Amino acid sequence: MGPEPSSPKREIYRDMKGPDVAIITRTQDRPITLDRTIRGVLGQRFPNWQLVVVSDQGNLPSIERVIERHAGALAGRARVLHRERSVGMEAATNHGIANSTSRYIAVHDDDDTWHCDFLAKTVAYLEAADPSIGGVISGTELVLERFEGNQIIESARRALRLPAQPITPTLLRRRNPFPPISFLFRRSAFEAVGLYREDLPALGDWEFNLRFTERFGIGVIPDALASWHIRRGARGARQSYANSPYAAHLRTLMKLKREWGQPRPLWRYALLWRY
């Protein structure tokens, strides 16, 4: 890994003292979904959070316009960190976490959303839980959507199957049962588990989740409080809104399966045509 890219800290608003939750949002050039994400964060019934937007070699003027649009409601609870050179989304996650202070951490992608009770219920769960429980997930809905002009149109929605409990390393080696948007974890647990792996171009959350379960338990709130948004086939002017390429996920999956000493699911290559 080379030297850390220059990343001047742009404090758009005053710092908030002692937020309970740091919300880390990585972005590049997605003003429409970033605006939706910020509106969802502002709608949380739990108010004591700090939003850290990591511009990962992103369109900084566009990002700042979105943030400034909500300046009044944000009331000093947001900051933008700009990285002049991108070395991957997990490096951006680590950078955002390192430049935040909080008891709890959530990685909130710039195209996903929360129910208004997500933070209230997940924070309350961890406040009441034994310290051996390092994090908690909520139920999640998968939302399929597409663009029509400047409008995002939802085409389908379904609930993701909740993982079997307890959530174990054995389960995580088989499949990743929850996306980042559904996961709130203790900063102390993050510090014990270690950084997100910056050498992985995709599936860094899966690898992190596995290491997490080797050290800590993960609680489950069955209520669907998180929405994981997928846009297939985004092209042309909307290419920046596309989800991560399946080929990158596939290469990383094969790498991780080798590291974990498991058979590689070669049948997944047959799905390349779908993406």
C-alpha atoms as a PDB file:
ATOM      1  CA  MET A   1       0.000   0.000   0.000  1.00  0.00           C
ATOM      2  CA  GLY A   2       1.407   3.379  -0.983  1.00  0.00           C
ATOM      3  CA  PRO A   3       1.371   6.545   1.041  1.00  0.00           C
ATOM      4  CA  GLU A   4      -1.967   7.893   2.243  1.00  0.00           C
ATOM      5  CA  PRO A   5      -3.524  10.154  -0.424  1.00  0.00           C
ATOM      6  CA  SER A   6      -3.696  13.786   0.486  1.00  0.00           C
ATOM      7  CA  SER A   7      -7.010  14.303   2.216  1.00  0.00           C
ATOM      8  CA  PRO A   8      -7.603  17.831   3.433  1.00  0.00           C
ATOM      9  CA  LYS A   9     -10.392  17.869   5.993  1.00  0.00           C
ATOM     10  CA  ARG A  10     -13.265  20.140   4.960  1.00  0.00           C
ATOM     11  CA  GLU A  11     -15.309  20.902   8.036  1.00  0.00           C
ATOM     12  CA  ILE A  12     -18.453  22.217   6.418  1.00  0.00           C
ATOM     13  CA  TYR A  13     -20.124  22.703   9.795  1.00  0.00           C
ATOM     14  CA  ARG A  14     -18.987  22.957  13.394  1.00  0.00           C
ATOM     15  CA  ASP A  15     -17.976  19.722  15.120  1.00  0.00           C
ATOM     16  CA  MET A  16     -20.567  18.055  17.292  1.00  0.00           C
ATOM     17  CA  LYS A  17     -19.269  17.159  20.756  1.00  0.00           C
ATOM     18  CA  GLY A  18     -19.528  13.529  21.718  1.00  0.00           C
ATOM     19  CA  PRO A  19     -21.846  11.929  19.139  1.00  0.00           C
ATOM     20  CA  ASP A  20     -23.022   8.438  20.034  1.00  0.00           C
ATOM     21  CA  VAL A  21     -22.936   7.219  16.408  1.00  0.00           C
ATOM     22  CA  ALA A  22     -20.537   7.969  13.564  1.00  0.00           C
ATOM     23  CA  ILE A  23     -22.220   7.358  10.202  1.00  0.00           C
ATOM     24  CA  ILE A  24     -19.576   6.752   7.509  1.00  0.00           C
ATOM     25  CA  THR A  25     -20.751   7.422   3.950  1.00  0.00           C
ATOM     26  CA  ARG A  26     -18.371   6.924   1.029  1.00  0.00           C
ATOM     27  CA  THR A  27     -19.260   8.657  -2.216  1.00  0.00           C
ATOM     28  CA  GLN A  28     -17.880   9.873  -5.536  1.00  0.00           C
ATOM     29  CA  ASP A  29     -20.499  11.361  -7.859  1.00  0.00           C
ATOM     30  CA  ARG A  30     -24.020  10.316  -6.878  1.00  0.00           C
ATOM     31  CA  PRO A  31     -25.824  13.499  -5.851  1.00  0.00           C
ATOM     32  CA  ILE A  32     -29.332  12.053  -6.295  1.00  0.00           C
ATOM     33  CA  THR A  33     -28.880   9.041  -4.033  1.00  0.00           C
ATOM     34  CA  LEU A  34     -26.615  10.964  -1.635  1.00  0.00           C
ATOM     35  CA  ASP A  35     -29.417  13.475  -1.149  1.00  0.00           C
ATOM     36  CA  ARG A  36     -31.829  10.604  -0.422  1.00  0.00           C
ATOM     37  CA  THR A  37     -29.386   9.100   2.059  1.00  0.00           C
ATOM     38  CA  ILE A  38     -28.973  12.372   3.937  1.00  0.00           C
ATOM     39  CA  ARG A  39     -32.736  12.880   4.106  1.00  0.00           C
ATOM     40  CA  GLY A  40     -33.023   9.400   5.611  1.00  0.00           C
ATOM     41  CA  VAL A  41     -30.355  10.140   8.203  1.00  0.00           C
ATOM     42  CA  LEU A  42     -32.087  13.389   9.103  1.00  0.00           C
ATOM     43  CA  GLY A  43     -35.307  11.455   9.582  1.00  0.00           C
ATOM     44  CA  GLN A  44     -33.834   9.314  12.369  1.00  0.00           C
ATOM     45  CA  ARG A  45     -35.669   9.542  15.688  1.00  0.00           C
ATOM     46  CA  PHE A  46     -32.294   9.138  17.413  1.00  0.00           C
ATOM     47  CA  PRO A  47     -30.560  12.537  17.036  1.00  0.00           C
ATOM     48  CA  ASN A  48     -27.065  12.125  18.507  1.00  0.00           C
ATOM     49  CA  TRP A  49     -25.058  11.192  15.431  1.00  0.00           C
ATOM     50  CA  GLN A  50     -22.267  12.567  13.280  1.00  0.00           C
ATOM     51  CA  LEU A  51     -22.326  12.099   9.499  1.00  0.00           C
ATOM     52  CA  VAL A  52     -18.876  11.712   7.921  1.00  0.00           C
ATOM     53  CA  VAL A  53     -19.032  11.890   4.122  1.00  0.00           C
ATOM     54  CA  VAL A  54     -15.846  10.610   2.500  1.00  0.00           C
ATOM     55  CA  SER A  55     -15.400  12.060  -0.978  1.00  0.00           C
ATOM     56  CA  ASP A  56     -13.276   9.276  -2.478  1.00  0.00           C
ATOM     57  CA  GLN A  57     -11.706  11.237  -5.358  1.00  0.00           C
ATOM     58  CA  GLY A  58     -15.259  12.406  -5.864  1.00  0.00           C
ATOM     59  CA  ASN A  59     -16.982  15.387  -7.423  1.00  0.00           C
ATOM     60  CA  LEU A  60     -16.422  17.625  -4.422  1.00  0.00           C
ATOM     61  CA  PRO A  61     -18.484  20.647  -5.588  1.00  0.00           C
ATOM     62  CA  SER A  62     -21.459  18.357  -6.275  1.00  0.00           C
ATOM     63  CA  ILE A  63     -21.112  16.670  -2.881  1.00  0.00           C
ATOM     64  CA  GLU A  64     -20.849  19.989  -1.060  1.00  0.00           C
ATOM     65  CA  ARG A  65     -23.947  21.313  -2.814  1.00  0.00           C
ATOM     66  CA  VAL A  66     -25.936  18.346  -1.506  1.00  0.00           C
ATOM     67  CA  ILE A  67     -24.598  18.817   2.029  1.00  0.00           C
ATOM     68  CA  GLU A  68     -25.235  22.560   1.984  1.00  0.00           C
ATOM     69  CA  ARG A  69     -28.810  21.975   0.825  1.00  0.00           C
ATOM     70  CA  HIS A  70     -29.457  20.376   4.225  1.00  0.00           C
ATOM     71  CA  ALA A  71     -27.205  22.650   6.299  1.00  0.00           C
ATOM     72  CA  GLY A  72     -29.970  23.893   8.567  1.00  0.00           C
ATOM     73  CA  ALA A  73     -31.270  20.448   9.462  1.00  0.00           C
ATOM     74  CA  LEU A  74     -27.777  18.973   9.800  1.00  0.00           C
ATOM     75  CA  ALA A  75     -27.017  21.641  12.411  1.00  0.00           C
ATOM     76  CA  GLY A  76     -23.307  20.950  12.644  1.00  0.00           C
ATOM     77  CA  ARG A  77     -23.556  17.163  12.583  1.00  0.00           C
ATOM     78  CA  ALA A  78     -21.816  16.621   9.219  1.00  0.00           C
ATOM     79  CA  ARG A  79     -18.360  16.905   7.747  1.00  0.00           C
ATOM     80  CA  VAL A  80     -16.805  16.105   4.382  1.00  0.00           C
ATOM     81  CA  LEU A  81     -13.384  14.489   4.018  1.00  0.00           C
ATOM     82  CA  HIS A  82     -11.960  14.755   0.507  1.00  0.00           C
ATOM     83  CA  ARG A  83      -9.389  12.294  -0.838  1.00  0.00           C
ATOM     84  CA  GLU A  84      -7.533  13.454  -3.938  1.00  0.00           C
ATOM     85  CA  ARG A  85      -6.746   9.883  -4.975  1.00  0.00           C
ATOM     86  CA  SER A  86      -8.914   6.812  -4.513  1.00  0.00           C
ATOM     87  CA  VAL A  87      -7.283   3.588  -3.372  1.00  0.00           C
ATOM     88  CA  GLY A  88     -10.519   1.698  -2.807  1.00  0.00           C
ATOM     89  CA  MET A  89     -13.753   1.854  -0.887  1.00  0.00           C
ATOM     90  CA  GLU A  90     -12.456   0.029   2.183  1.00  0.00           C
ATOM     91  CA  ALA A  91      -9.600   2.529   2.487  1.00  0.00           C
ATOM     92  CA  ALA A  92     -12.247   5.254   2.351  1.00  0.00           C
ATOM     93  CA  THR A  93     -14.180   3.505   5.119  1.00  0.00           C
ATOM     94  CA  ASN A  94     -11.094   3.278   7.329  1.00  0.00           C
ATOM     95  CA  HIS A  95     -10.316   6.939   6.643  1.00  0.00           C
ATOM     96  CA  GLY A  96     -13.799   8.017   7.661  1.00  0.00           C
ATOM     97  CA  ILE A  97     -13.737   5.973  10.858  1.00  0.00           C
ATOM     98  CA  ALA A  98     -10.281   7.303  11.772  1.00  0.00           C
ATOM     99  CA  ASN A  99     -11.559  10.867  11.378  1.00  0.00           C
ATOM    100  CA  SER A 100     -14.589  10.420  13.608  1.00  0.00           C
ATOM    101  CA  THR A 101     -15.326   9.987  17.294  1.00  0.00           C
ATOM    102  CA  SER A 102     -18.236   8.002  18.668  1.00  0.00           C
ATOM    103  CA  ARG A 103     -19.234   4.999  20.727  1.00  0.00           C
ATOM    104  CA  TYR A 104     -20.882   3.268  17.767  1.00  0.00           C
ATOM    105  CA  ILE A 105     -20.193   3.099  14.027  1.00  0.00           C
ATOM    106  CA  ALA A 106     -22.430   2.531  10.997  1.00  0.00           C
ATOM    107  CA  VAL A 107     -21.213   2.241   7.391  1.00  0.00           C
ATOM    108  CA  HIS A 108     -24.030   3.774   5.339  1.00  0.00           C
ATOM    109  CA  ASP A 109     -23.508   3.508   1.570  1.00  0.00           C
ATOM    110  CA  ASP A 110     -24.556   6.563  -0.415  1.00  0.00           C
ATOM    111  CA  ASP A 111     -27.433   4.743  -2.127  1.00  0.00           C
ATOM    112  CA  ASP A 112     -29.031   2.875   0.788  1.00  0.00           C
ATOM    113  CA  THR A 113     -31.627   3.981   3.334  1.00  0.00           C
ATOM    114  CA  TRP A 114     -32.819   3.434   6.898  1.00  0.00           C
ATOM    115  CA  HIS A 115     -36.207   3.283   8.560  1.00  0.00           C
ATOM    116  CA  CYS A 116     -36.614   6.213  10.964  1.00  0.00           C
ATOM    117  CA  ASP A 117     -36.203   3.871  13.966  1.00  0.00           C
ATOM    118  CA  PHE A 118     -32.976   2.179  12.837  1.00  0.00           C
ATOM    119  CA  LEU A 119     -30.596   4.087  15.100  1.00  0.00           C
ATOM    120  CA  ALA A 120     -33.010   4.305  18.022  1.00  0.00           C
ATOM    121  CA  LYS A 121     -33.552   0.541  18.129  1.00  0.00           C
ATOM    122  CA  THR A 122     -29.997  -0.590  17.350  1.00  0.00           C
ATOM    123  CA  VAL A 123     -28.406   1.820  19.829  1.00  0.00           C
ATOM    124  CA  ALA A 124     -30.906   0.770  22.524  1.00  0.00           C
ATOM    125  CA  TYR A 125     -30.088  -2.885  21.822  1.00  0.00           C
ATOM    126  CA  LEU A 126     -26.347  -2.387  22.270  1.00  0.00           C
ATOM    127  CA  GLU A 127     -26.830  -0.194  25.323  1.00  0.00           C
ATOM    128  CA  ALA A 128     -28.643  -3.084  27.002  1.00  0.00           C
ATOM    129  CA  ALA A 129     -26.418  -5.885  25.649  1.00  0.00           C
ATOM    130  CA  ASP A 130     -23.449  -7.579  27.274  1.00  0.00           C
ATOM    131  CA  PRO A 131     -20.088  -6.185  26.032  1.00  0.00           C
ATOM    132  CA  SER A 132     -19.429  -9.551  24.366  1.00  0.00           C
ATOM    133  CA  ILE A 133     -22.071  -8.495  21.819  1.00  0.00           C
ATOM    134  CA  GLY A 134     -20.035  -6.202  19.608  1.00  0.00           C
ATOM    135  CA  GLY A 135     -22.725  -5.262  17.126  1.00  0.00           C
ATOM    136  CA  VAL A 136     -26.315  -5.702  16.040  1.00  0.00           C
ATOM    137  CA  ILE A 137     -28.089  -6.091  12.720  1.00  0.00           C
ATOM    138  CA  SER A 138     -31.675  -5.361  11.794  1.00  0.00           C
ATOM    139  CA  GLY A 139     -33.876  -7.038   9.260  1.00  0.00           C
ATOM    140  CA  THR A 140     -33.275  -5.760   5.723  1.00  0.00           C
ATOM    141  CA  GLU A 141     -35.340  -5.250   2.596  1.00  0.00           C
ATOM    142  CA  LEU A 142     -33.755  -5.636  -0.842  1.00  0.00           C
ATOM    143  CA  VAL A 143     -35.029  -2.841  -3.106  1.00  0.00           C
ATOM    144  CA  LEU A 144     -34.650  -3.114  -6.884  1.00  0.00           C
ATOM    145  CA  GLU A 145     -34.848   0.219  -8.677  1.00  0.00           C
ATOM    146  CA  ARG A 146     -34.111   2.010 -11.931  1.00  0.00           C
ATOM    147  CA  PHE A 147     -33.722   5.537 -13.242  1.00  0.00           C
ATOM    148  CA  GLU A 148     -36.331   7.282 -15.371  1.00  0.00           C
ATOM    149  CA  GLY A 149     -34.797  10.660 -16.163  1.00  0.00           C
ATOM    150  CA  ASN A 150     -33.809  12.148 -12.819  1.00  0.00           C
ATOM    151  CA  GLN A 151     -36.290  10.008 -10.902  1.00  0.00           C
ATOM    152  CA  ILE A 152     -35.516   6.748  -9.129  1.00  0.00           C
ATOM    153  CA  ILE A 153     -38.342   4.267  -9.672  1.00  0.00           C
ATOM    154  CA  GLU A 154     -38.718   1.277  -7.381  1.00  0.00           C
ATOM    155  CA  SER A 155     -39.503  -1.899  -9.321  1.00  0.00           C
ATOM    156  CA  ALA A 156     -39.538  -4.575  -6.591  1.00  0.00           C
ATOM    157  CA  ARG A 157     -38.957  -5.084  -2.894  1.00  0.00           C
ATOM    158  CA  ARG A 158     -38.497  -8.194  -0.780  1.00  0.00           C
ATOM    159  CA  ALA A 159     -37.313  -9.044   2.713  1.00  0.00           C
ATOM    160  CA  LEU A 160     -33.910 -10.708   3.042  1.00  0.00           C
ATOM    161  CA  ARG A 161     -33.882 -13.903   5.050  1.00  0.00           C
ATOM    162  CA  LEU A 162     -32.633 -13.317   8.581  1.00  0.00           C
ATOM    163  CA  PRO A 163     -29.480 -15.271   9.443  1.00  0.00           C
ATOM    164  CA  ALA A 164     -29.578 -18.206  11.811  1.00  0.00           C
ATOM    165  CA  GLN A 165     -28.534 -17.334  15.329  1.00  0.00           C
ATOM    166  CA  PRO A 166     -25.951 -17.178  16.673  1.00  0.00           C
ATOM    167  CA  ILE A 167     -24.138 -15.603  13.730  1.00  0.00           C
ATOM    168  CA  THR A 168     -20.931 -17.645  13.628  1.00  0.00           C
ATOM    169  CA  PRO A 169     -17.704 -17.677  11.590  1.00  0.00           C
ATOM    170  CA  THR A 170     -18.882 -20.946  10.048  1.00  0.00           C
ATOM    171  CA  LEU A 171     -21.997 -19.207   8.747  1.00  0.00           C
ATOM    172  CA  LEU A 172     -19.963 -16.264   7.460  1.00  0.00           C
ATOM    173  CA  ARG A 173     -17.623 -18.544   5.515  1.00  0.00           C
ATOM    174  CA  ARG A 174     -20.644 -19.927   3.668  1.00  0.00           C
ATOM    175  CA  ARG A 175     -22.360 -16.636   2.874  1.00  0.00           C
ATOM    176  CA  ASN A 176     -22.572 -13.016   3.951  1.00  0.00           C
ATOM    177  CA  PRO A 177     -26.046 -12.798   5.522  1.00  0.00           C
ATOM    178  CA  PHE A 178     -26.357  -9.014   5.910  1.00  0.00           C
ATOM    179  CA  PRO A 179     -25.279  -5.846   4.057  1.00  0.00           C
ATOM    180  CA  PRO A 180     -23.434  -2.947   5.733  1.00  0.00           C
ATOM    181  CA  ILE A 181     -26.570  -0.785   5.902  1.00  0.00           C
ATOM    182  CA  SER A 182     -28.121  -3.118   8.509  1.00  0.00           C
ATOM    183  CA  PHE A 183     -25.107  -3.251  10.878  1.00  0.00           C
ATOM    184  CA  LEU A 184     -24.303  -1.029  13.877  1.00  0.00           C
ATOM    185  CA  PHE A 185     -21.211  -1.927  15.906  1.00  0.00           C
ATOM    186  CA  ARG A 186     -19.195  -0.712  18.847  1.00  0.00           C
ATOM    187  CA  ARG A 187     -16.075   1.328  18.116  1.00  0.00           C
ATOM    188  CA  SER A 188     -14.263  -0.697  20.766  1.00  0.00           C
ATOM    189  CA  ALA A 189     -15.098  -3.865  18.809  1.00  0.00           C
ATOM    190  CA  PHE A 190     -13.829  -2.304  15.583  1.00  0.00           C
ATOM    191  CA  GLU A 191     -10.553  -1.436  17.293  1.00  0.00           C
ATOM    192  CA  ALA A 192     -10.202  -5.034  18.493  1.00  0.00           C
ATOM    193  CA  VAL A 193     -11.104  -6.605  15.144  1.00  0.00           C
ATOM    194  CA  GLY A 194      -8.954  -4.297  13.024  1.00  0.00           C
ATOM    195  CA  LEU A 195      -9.387  -2.258   9.857  1.00  0.00           C
ATOM    196  CA  TYR A 196     -11.350  -3.164   6.769  1.00  0.00           C
ATOM    197  CA  ARG A 197      -8.950  -4.837   4.341  1.00  0.00           C
ATOM    198  CA  GLU A 198      -7.829  -2.288   1.784  1.00  0.00           C
ATOM    199  CA  ASP A 199      -6.465  -4.892  -0.659  1.00  0.00           C
ATOM    200  CA  LEU A 200      -9.965  -6.155  -1.462  1.00  0.00           C
ATOM    201  CA  PRO A 201     -11.715  -4.355  -4.360  1.00  0.00           C
ATOM    202  CA  ALA A 202     -15.098  -5.739  -3.234  1.00  0.00           C
ATOM    203  CA  LEU A 203     -16.679  -7.786  -0.427  1.00  0.00           C
ATOM    204  CA  GLY A 204     -14.573  -6.045   2.203  1.00  0.00           C
ATOM    205  CA  ASP A 205     -17.602  -5.989   4.496  1.00  0.00           C
ATOM    206  CA  TRP A 206     -17.937  -9.782   4.222  1.00  0.00           C
ATOM    207  CA  GLU A 207     -14.318 -10.356   5.232  1.00  0.00           C
ATOM    208  CA  PHE A 208     -14.657  -7.822   8.074  1.00  0.00           C
ATOM    209  CA  ASN A 209     -17.872  -9.458   9.294  1.00  0.00           C
ATOM    210  CA  LEU A 210     -16.135 -12.833   9.456  1.00  0.00           C
ATOM    211  CA  ARG A 211     -13.296 -11.473  11.581  1.00  0.00           C
ATOM    212  CA  PHE A 212     -15.887  -9.679  13.714  1.00  0.00           C
ATOM    213  CA  THR A 213     -17.721 -12.922  14.542  1.00  0.00           C
ATOM    214  CA  GLU A 214     -14.427 -14.535  15.557  1.00  0.00           C
ATOM    215  CA  ARG A 215     -14.164 -11.987  18.384  1.00  0.00           C
ATOM    216  CA  PHE A 216     -17.695 -10.805  19.177  1.00  0.00           C
ATOM    217  CA  GLY A 217     -21.319 -11.802  19.045  1.00  0.00           C
ATOM    218  CA  ILE A 218     -23.793 -10.025  16.780  1.00  0.00           C
ATOM    219  CA  GLY A 219     -27.356  -9.447  17.932  1.00  0.00           C
ATOM    220  CA  VAL A 220     -30.366  -9.527  15.628  1.00  0.00           C
ATOM    221  CA  ILE A 221     -33.394  -7.224  15.565  1.00  0.00           C
ATOM    222  CA  PRO A 222     -35.915  -8.905  13.227  1.00  0.00           C
ATOM    223  CA  ASP A 223     -37.710  -5.674  12.288  1.00  0.00           C
ATOM    224  CA  ALA A 224     -36.920  -4.537   8.728  1.00  0.00           C
ATOM    225  CA  LEU A 225     -35.203  -1.242   9.552  1.00  0.00           C
ATOM    226  CA  ALA A 226     -32.724  -1.072   6.651  1.00  0.00           C
ATOM    227  CA  SER A 227     -33.094  -1.019   2.868  1.00  0.00           C
ATOM    228  CA  TRP A 228     -30.370  -2.253   0.527  1.00  0.00           C
ATOM    229  CA  HIS A 229     -30.867  -0.649  -2.909  1.00  0.00           C
ATOM    230  CA  ILE A 230     -29.769  -2.335  -6.153  1.00  0.00           C
ATOM    231  CA  ARG A 231     -29.758  -0.838  -9.650  1.00  0.00           C
ATOM    232  CA  ARG A 232     -28.916  -3.314 -12.382  1.00  0.00           C
ATOM    233  CA  GLY A 233     -27.710  -2.194 -15.768  1.00  0.00           C
ATOM    234  CA  ALA A 234     -27.139   1.502 -14.986  1.00  0.00           C
ATOM    235  CA  ARG A 235     -25.433   2.893 -18.090  1.00  0.00           C
ATOM    236  CA  GLY A 236     -24.665   6.086 -19.939  1.00  0.00           C
ATOM    237  CA  ALA A 237     -25.194   9.248 -17.928  1.00  0.00           C
ATOM    238  CA  ARG A 238     -26.208   7.128 -14.922  1.00  0.00           C
ATOM    239  CA  GLN A 239     -23.133   4.869 -14.942  1.00  0.00           C
ATOM    240  CA  SER A 240     -21.878   6.408 -11.702  1.00  0.00           C
ATOM    241  CA  TYR A 241     -24.985   5.009  -9.977  1.00  0.00           C
ATOM    242  CA  ALA A 242     -24.260   1.414 -10.969  1.00  0.00           C
ATOM    243  CA  ASN A 243     -23.586  -1.122  -8.249  1.00  0.00           C
ATOM    244  CA  SER A 244     -20.140  -2.678  -7.968  1.00  0.00           C
ATOM    245  CA  PRO A 245     -19.323  -4.910 -10.982  1.00  0.00           C
ATOM    246  CA  TYR A 246     -20.176  -8.565 -10.517  1.00  0.00           C
ATOM    247  CA  ALA A 247     -16.803  -9.556 -11.988  1.00  0.00           C
ATOM    248  CA  ALA A 248     -14.975  -7.736  -9.178  1.00  0.00           C
ATOM    249  CA  HIS A 249     -17.175  -9.465  -6.612  1.00  0.00           C
ATOM    250  CA  LEU A 250     -16.498 -12.822  -8.247  1.00  0.00           C
ATOM    251  CA  ARG A 251     -12.702 -12.407  -8.285  1.00  0.00           C
ATOM    252  CA  THR A 252     -12.698 -11.352  -4.646  1.00  0.00           C
ATOM    253  CA  LEU A 253     -15.020 -14.179  -3.629  1.00  0.00           C
ATOM    254  CA  MET A 254     -12.668 -16.748  -5.188  1.00  0.00           C
ATOM    255  CA  LYS A 255      -9.712 -15.153  -3.396  1.00  0.00           C
ATOM    256  CA  LEU A 256     -11.472 -15.231  -0.025  1.00  0.00           C
ATOM    257  CA  LYS A 257     -12.629 -18.818  -0.469  1.00  0.00           C
ATOM    258  CA  ARG A 258      -9.007 -19.833  -1.110  1.00  0.00           C
ATOM    259  CA  GLU A 259      -7.874 -17.967   2.007  1.00  0.00           C
ATOM    260  CA  TRP A 260     -10.590 -19.633   4.082  1.00  0.00           C
ATOM    261  CA  GLY A 261      -9.613 -23.087   2.780  1.00  0.00           C
ATOM    262  CA  GLN A 262     -12.987 -23.683   1.153  1.00  0.00           C
ATOM    263  CA  PRO A 263     -13.975 -25.003  -2.272  1.00  0.00           C
ATOM    264  CA  ARG A 264     -14.443 -22.229  -4.785  1.00  0.00           C
ATOM    265  CA  PRO A 265     -18.025 -21.960  -6.102  1.00  0.00           C
ATOM    266  CA  LEU A 266     -17.040 -22.088  -9.761  1.00  0.00           C
ATOM    267  CA  TRP A 267     -20.704 -22.265 -10.800  1.00  0.00           C
ATOM    268  CA  ARG A 268     -20.910 -18.532 -10.057  1.00  0.00           C
ATOM    269  CA  TYR A 269     -19.019 -17.854 -13.284  1.00  0.00           C
ATOM    270  CA  ALA A 270     -22.186 -18.920 -15.085  1.00  0.00           C
ATOM    271  CA  LEU A 271     -23.910 -15.806 -13.704  1.00  0.00           C
ATOM    272  CA  LEU A 272     -21.565 -13.344 -15.424  1.00  0.00           C
ATOM    273  CA  TRP A 273     -23.982 -12.973 -18.339  1.00  0.00           C
ATOM    274  CA  ARG A 274     -26.644 -11.550 -16.010  1.00  0.00           C
ATOM    275  CA  TYR A 275     -24.471  -8.602 -15.009  1.00  0.00           C
END
